[in-house]
């Protein structure tokens, strides 16, 4: 190999490495503040933890960013058995025949029915629904307990179900569920961290 050929080979390797280094790793956990402009909210991921996308993401060379199949929130793993789940989506199935977006009250009622169905599937030992408010947004608080069929571990889940853009918005509301899921034995120890997440929520203004 002559000097010129060697130079070209080295340059190609360097360019390849540089190109690879520029790519964003779409599996890297999200830290700090997560913003969901589509559904109208943001929140802080607790310090020392990372949130994973709720839908598959791949790197797009054209935009030099991660492209995800929908922007639905994050799952924050606390350990192997506990986690904080933030999931949101537009309630497309509730749009009426005239194409009108559903009112927040209709969204909340539908979300509660879904949780009732989930409780039946899990054979929940208890299920309680009550009114709740998170930073001014009216919603529902659902407490559910069941026994994991595989590990026989008693589990607890508390969920805050909210409709974003609740007040006088020109954009459609999205359904948002914020949950803490953990074994009964450690559930109380995670409540303060869960409270941090809830208290960090901000509702985004319409554009």
Protein backbone atom coordinates (compact mmCIF):
# COMPACT_ATOMS: atom_id res chain seq x y z
CA UNK A 1 0.00 0.00 0.00
CA UNK A 2 1.49 3.36 -1.06
CA UNK A 3 1.41 6.52 1.04
CA UNK A 4 -1.55 8.05 -0.85
CA UNK A 5 -3.67 4.89 -0.52
CA UNK A 6 -2.83 4.69 3.18
CA UNK A 7 -3.87 8.34 3.65
CA UNK A 8 -7.24 7.72 1.95
CA UNK A 9 -7.86 4.64 4.11
CA UNK A 10 -7.09 6.53 7.33
CA UNK A 11 -9.27 9.48 6.26
CA UNK A 12 -12.19 7.14 5.56
CA UNK A 13 -11.92 5.57 9.00
CA UNK A 14 -11.74 8.98 10.70
CA UNK A 15 -14.77 10.23 8.75
CA UNK A 16 -16.70 7.10 9.64
CA UNK A 17 -15.90 7.43 13.34
CA UNK A 18 -16.79 11.14 13.31
CA UNK A 19 -20.10 10.39 11.58
CA UNK A 20 -20.93 7.69 14.12
CA UNK A 21 -20.03 9.96 17.02
CA UNK A 22 -22.50 12.56 15.72
CA UNK A 23 -25.43 10.17 15.89
CA UNK A 24 -27.68 10.46 18.91
CA UNK A 25 -28.20 7.23 20.82
CA UNK A 26 -31.98 6.93 20.95
CA UNK A 27 -31.76 4.45 23.80
CA UNK A 28 -30.07 6.95 26.10
CA UNK A 29 -32.35 7.63 29.10
CA UNK A 30 -33.95 11.07 29.25
CA UNK A 31 -32.76 13.18 32.19
CA UNK A 32 -33.80 16.55 33.61
CA UNK A 33 -36.99 18.05 32.12
CA UNK A 34 -39.04 16.12 29.60
CA UNK A 35 -41.28 18.24 27.36
CA UNK A 36 -44.26 16.88 25.44
CA UNK A 37 -45.32 19.75 23.19
CA UNK A 38 -47.83 17.53 21.35
CA UNK A 39 -49.92 16.85 24.44
CA UNK A 40 -49.24 20.03 26.39
CA UNK A 41 -47.13 19.22 29.46
CA UNK A 42 -43.64 18.80 30.86
CA UNK A 43 -42.15 17.34 34.04
CA UNK A 44 -38.82 16.70 35.73
CA UNK A 45 -37.22 13.27 35.77
CA UNK A 46 -35.89 12.77 39.34
CA UNK A 47 -32.18 13.39 39.77
CA UNK A 48 -30.19 10.19 39.41
CA UNK A 49 -32.85 8.45 37.31
CA UNK A 50 -33.56 8.22 33.59
CA UNK A 51 -36.75 7.97 31.61
CA UNK A 52 -37.23 5.65 28.64
CA UNK A 53 -39.43 6.52 25.65
CA UNK A 54 -42.87 4.92 25.65
CA UNK A 55 -42.60 4.09 21.93
CA UNK A 56 -39.83 2.78 19.62
CA UNK A 57 -37.31 5.42 18.48
CA UNK A 58 -34.71 5.38 15.71
CA UNK A 59 -32.06 7.88 14.66
CA UNK A 60 -32.98 9.93 11.57
CA UNK A 61 -29.89 11.14 9.64
CA UNK A 62 -31.96 13.81 7.86
CA UNK A 63 -33.05 15.58 11.04
CA UNK A 64 -30.06 14.35 13.11
CA UNK A 65 -32.48 13.49 15.88
CA UNK A 66 -34.48 10.57 17.24
CA UNK A 67 -37.74 9.84 15.48
CA UNK A 68 -40.27 8.05 17.66
CA UNK A 69 -43.55 6.34 16.83
CA UNK A 70 -45.60 8.86 18.75
CA UNK A 71 -44.68 11.10 21.67
CA UNK A 72 -46.33 9.31 24.57
CA UNK A 73 -44.27 10.06 27.69
CA UNK A 74 -41.64 8.19 29.70
CA UNK A 75 -41.21 5.18 31.94
CA UNK A 76 -38.84 5.74 34.88
CA UNK A 77 -37.49 2.51 36.32
CA UNK A 78 -36.85 2.82 40.06
CA UNK A 79 -35.58 -0.75 40.46
CA UNK A 80 -36.44 -4.18 39.09
CA UNK A 81 -39.90 -4.20 40.64
CA UNK A 82 -40.99 -0.54 40.85
CA UNK A 83 -41.43 2.31 38.42
CA UNK A 84 -43.09 5.62 37.60
CA UNK A 85 -45.09 5.55 34.40
CA UNK A 86 -46.12 8.71 32.51
CA UNK A 87 -48.26 8.01 29.45
CA UNK A 88 -50.30 10.35 27.27
CA UNK A 89 -52.16 10.26 23.96
CA UNK A 90 -54.96 11.99 22.12
CA UNK A 91 -58.35 10.40 22.70
CA UNK A 92 -58.96 9.80 19.00
CA UNK A 93 -61.55 7.10 19.65
CA UNK A 94 -63.76 9.64 21.45
CA UNK A 95 -63.95 12.16 18.58
CA UNK A 96 -67.60 12.47 17.53
CA UNK A 97 -69.08 11.95 14.06
CA UNK A 98 -68.76 15.65 13.28
CA UNK A 99 -65.03 15.57 14.05
CA UNK A 100 -65.28 17.49 17.31
CA UNK A 101 -62.66 16.76 19.96
CA UNK A 102 -63.97 15.25 23.20
CA UNK A 103 -64.42 17.43 26.27
CA UNK A 104 -62.01 16.80 29.17
CA UNK A 105 -64.83 15.41 31.32
CA UNK A 106 -65.59 12.78 28.66
CA UNK A 107 -61.90 11.89 28.43
CA UNK A 108 -61.65 11.39 32.20
CA UNK A 109 -64.75 9.18 32.29
CA UNK A 110 -63.30 7.00 29.52
CA UNK A 111 -59.97 6.72 31.33
CA UNK A 112 -61.65 5.54 34.51
CA UNK A 113 -63.55 2.87 32.58
CA UNK A 114 -60.28 1.63 31.10
CA UNK A 115 -58.76 1.32 34.58
CA UNK A 116 -61.84 -0.57 35.77
CA UNK A 117 -61.33 -3.04 32.91
CA UNK A 118 -57.63 -3.36 33.81
CA UNK A 119 -58.57 -4.05 37.44
CA UNK A 120 -60.82 -6.92 36.36
CA UNK A 121 -58.06 -8.43 34.23
CA UNK A 122 -55.60 -8.24 37.14
CA UNK A 123 -58.23 -9.62 39.54
CA UNK A 124 -57.65 -6.61 41.75
CA UNK A 125 -58.24 -7.11 45.45
CA UNK A 126 -59.20 -3.44 45.85
CA UNK A 127 -60.05 -0.55 43.51
CA UNK A 128 -60.86 3.00 44.60
CA UNK A 129 -61.55 6.15 42.55
CA UNK A 130 -61.65 9.70 43.94
CA UNK A 131 -61.45 13.26 42.66
CA UNK A 132 -57.97 14.83 42.53
CA UNK A 133 -56.26 18.02 41.40
CA UNK A 134 -52.70 18.27 40.10
CA UNK A 135 -51.41 21.84 39.75
CA UNK A 136 -54.87 23.16 38.94
CA UNK A 137 -55.97 20.38 36.58
CA UNK A 138 -59.00 18.41 37.74
CA UNK A 139 -58.67 14.66 37.44
CA UNK A 140 -59.05 11.32 39.15
CA UNK A 141 -56.88 9.42 41.60
CA UNK A 142 -57.13 5.64 41.33
CA UNK A 143 -55.68 3.23 43.87
CA UNK A 144 -55.47 -0.41 42.84
CA UNK A 145 -54.07 -3.50 44.58
CA UNK A 146 -53.57 -6.99 43.20
CA UNK A 147 -51.32 -10.05 43.53
CA UNK A 148 -48.80 -10.71 40.75
CA UNK A 149 -49.76 -14.14 39.35
CA UNK A 150 -46.15 -15.13 38.60
CA UNK A 151 -44.29 -14.01 41.72
CA UNK A 152 -47.27 -14.01 44.11
CA UNK A 153 -46.13 -10.55 45.21
CA UNK A 154 -48.82 -8.13 46.49
CA UNK A 155 -48.67 -5.02 44.26
CA UNK A 156 -49.99 -1.47 44.58
CA UNK A 157 -50.57 1.11 41.86
CA UNK A 158 -51.68 4.70 42.33
CA UNK A 159 -52.59 6.65 39.19
CA UNK A 160 -53.45 10.27 38.59
CA UNK A 161 -55.57 10.57 35.48
CA UNK A 162 -55.72 14.03 33.94
CA UNK A 163 -56.83 15.81 30.80
CA UNK A 164 -54.30 18.38 29.58
CA UNK A 165 -55.42 21.81 28.31
CA UNK A 166 -58.43 21.63 30.58
CA UNK A 167 -59.31 25.32 30.58
CA UNK A 168 -60.42 27.35 27.51
CA UNK A 169 -57.93 25.81 25.13
CA UNK A 170 -57.98 26.09 21.35
CA UNK A 171 -56.15 22.77 21.00
CA UNK A 172 -57.49 19.29 21.82
CA UNK A 173 -56.97 17.86 25.28
CA UNK A 174 -54.85 14.74 25.69
CA UNK A 175 -55.38 11.99 28.22
CA UNK A 176 -52.52 11.73 30.68
CA UNK A 177 -51.89 9.04 33.30
CA UNK A 178 -49.12 9.36 35.90
CA UNK A 179 -48.62 6.20 37.96
CA UNK A 180 -46.45 4.72 40.67
CA UNK A 181 -46.31 0.91 40.58
CA UNK A 182 -44.46 -1.07 43.26
CA UNK A 183 -44.71 -4.08 45.56
CA UNK A 184 -46.68 -3.33 48.73
CA UNK A 185 -43.57 -3.76 50.90
CA UNK A 186 -41.72 -0.86 49.23
CA UNK A 187 -44.58 1.28 47.92
CA UNK A 188 -44.50 3.87 50.71
CA UNK A 189 -40.76 4.39 50.35
CA UNK A 190 -41.24 5.56 46.73
CA UNK A 191 -44.10 7.96 47.43
CA UNK A 192 -41.88 11.03 48.09
CA UNK A 193 -40.11 10.57 44.74
CA UNK A 194 -43.45 10.15 43.02
CA UNK A 195 -44.59 13.37 44.67
CA UNK A 196 -41.56 15.17 43.20
CA UNK A 197 -42.60 14.11 39.72
CA UNK A 198 -46.22 15.22 40.20
CA UNK A 199 -45.22 18.58 41.68
CA UNK A 200 -42.81 19.27 38.81
CA UNK A 201 -45.53 19.12 36.14
CA UNK A 202 -46.08 22.23 34.05
CA UNK A 203 -48.92 22.75 31.60
CA UNK A 204 -47.72 24.22 28.32
CA UNK A 205 -49.50 27.24 26.82
CA UNK A 206 -51.25 26.91 23.47
CA UNK A 207 -49.31 27.89 20.39
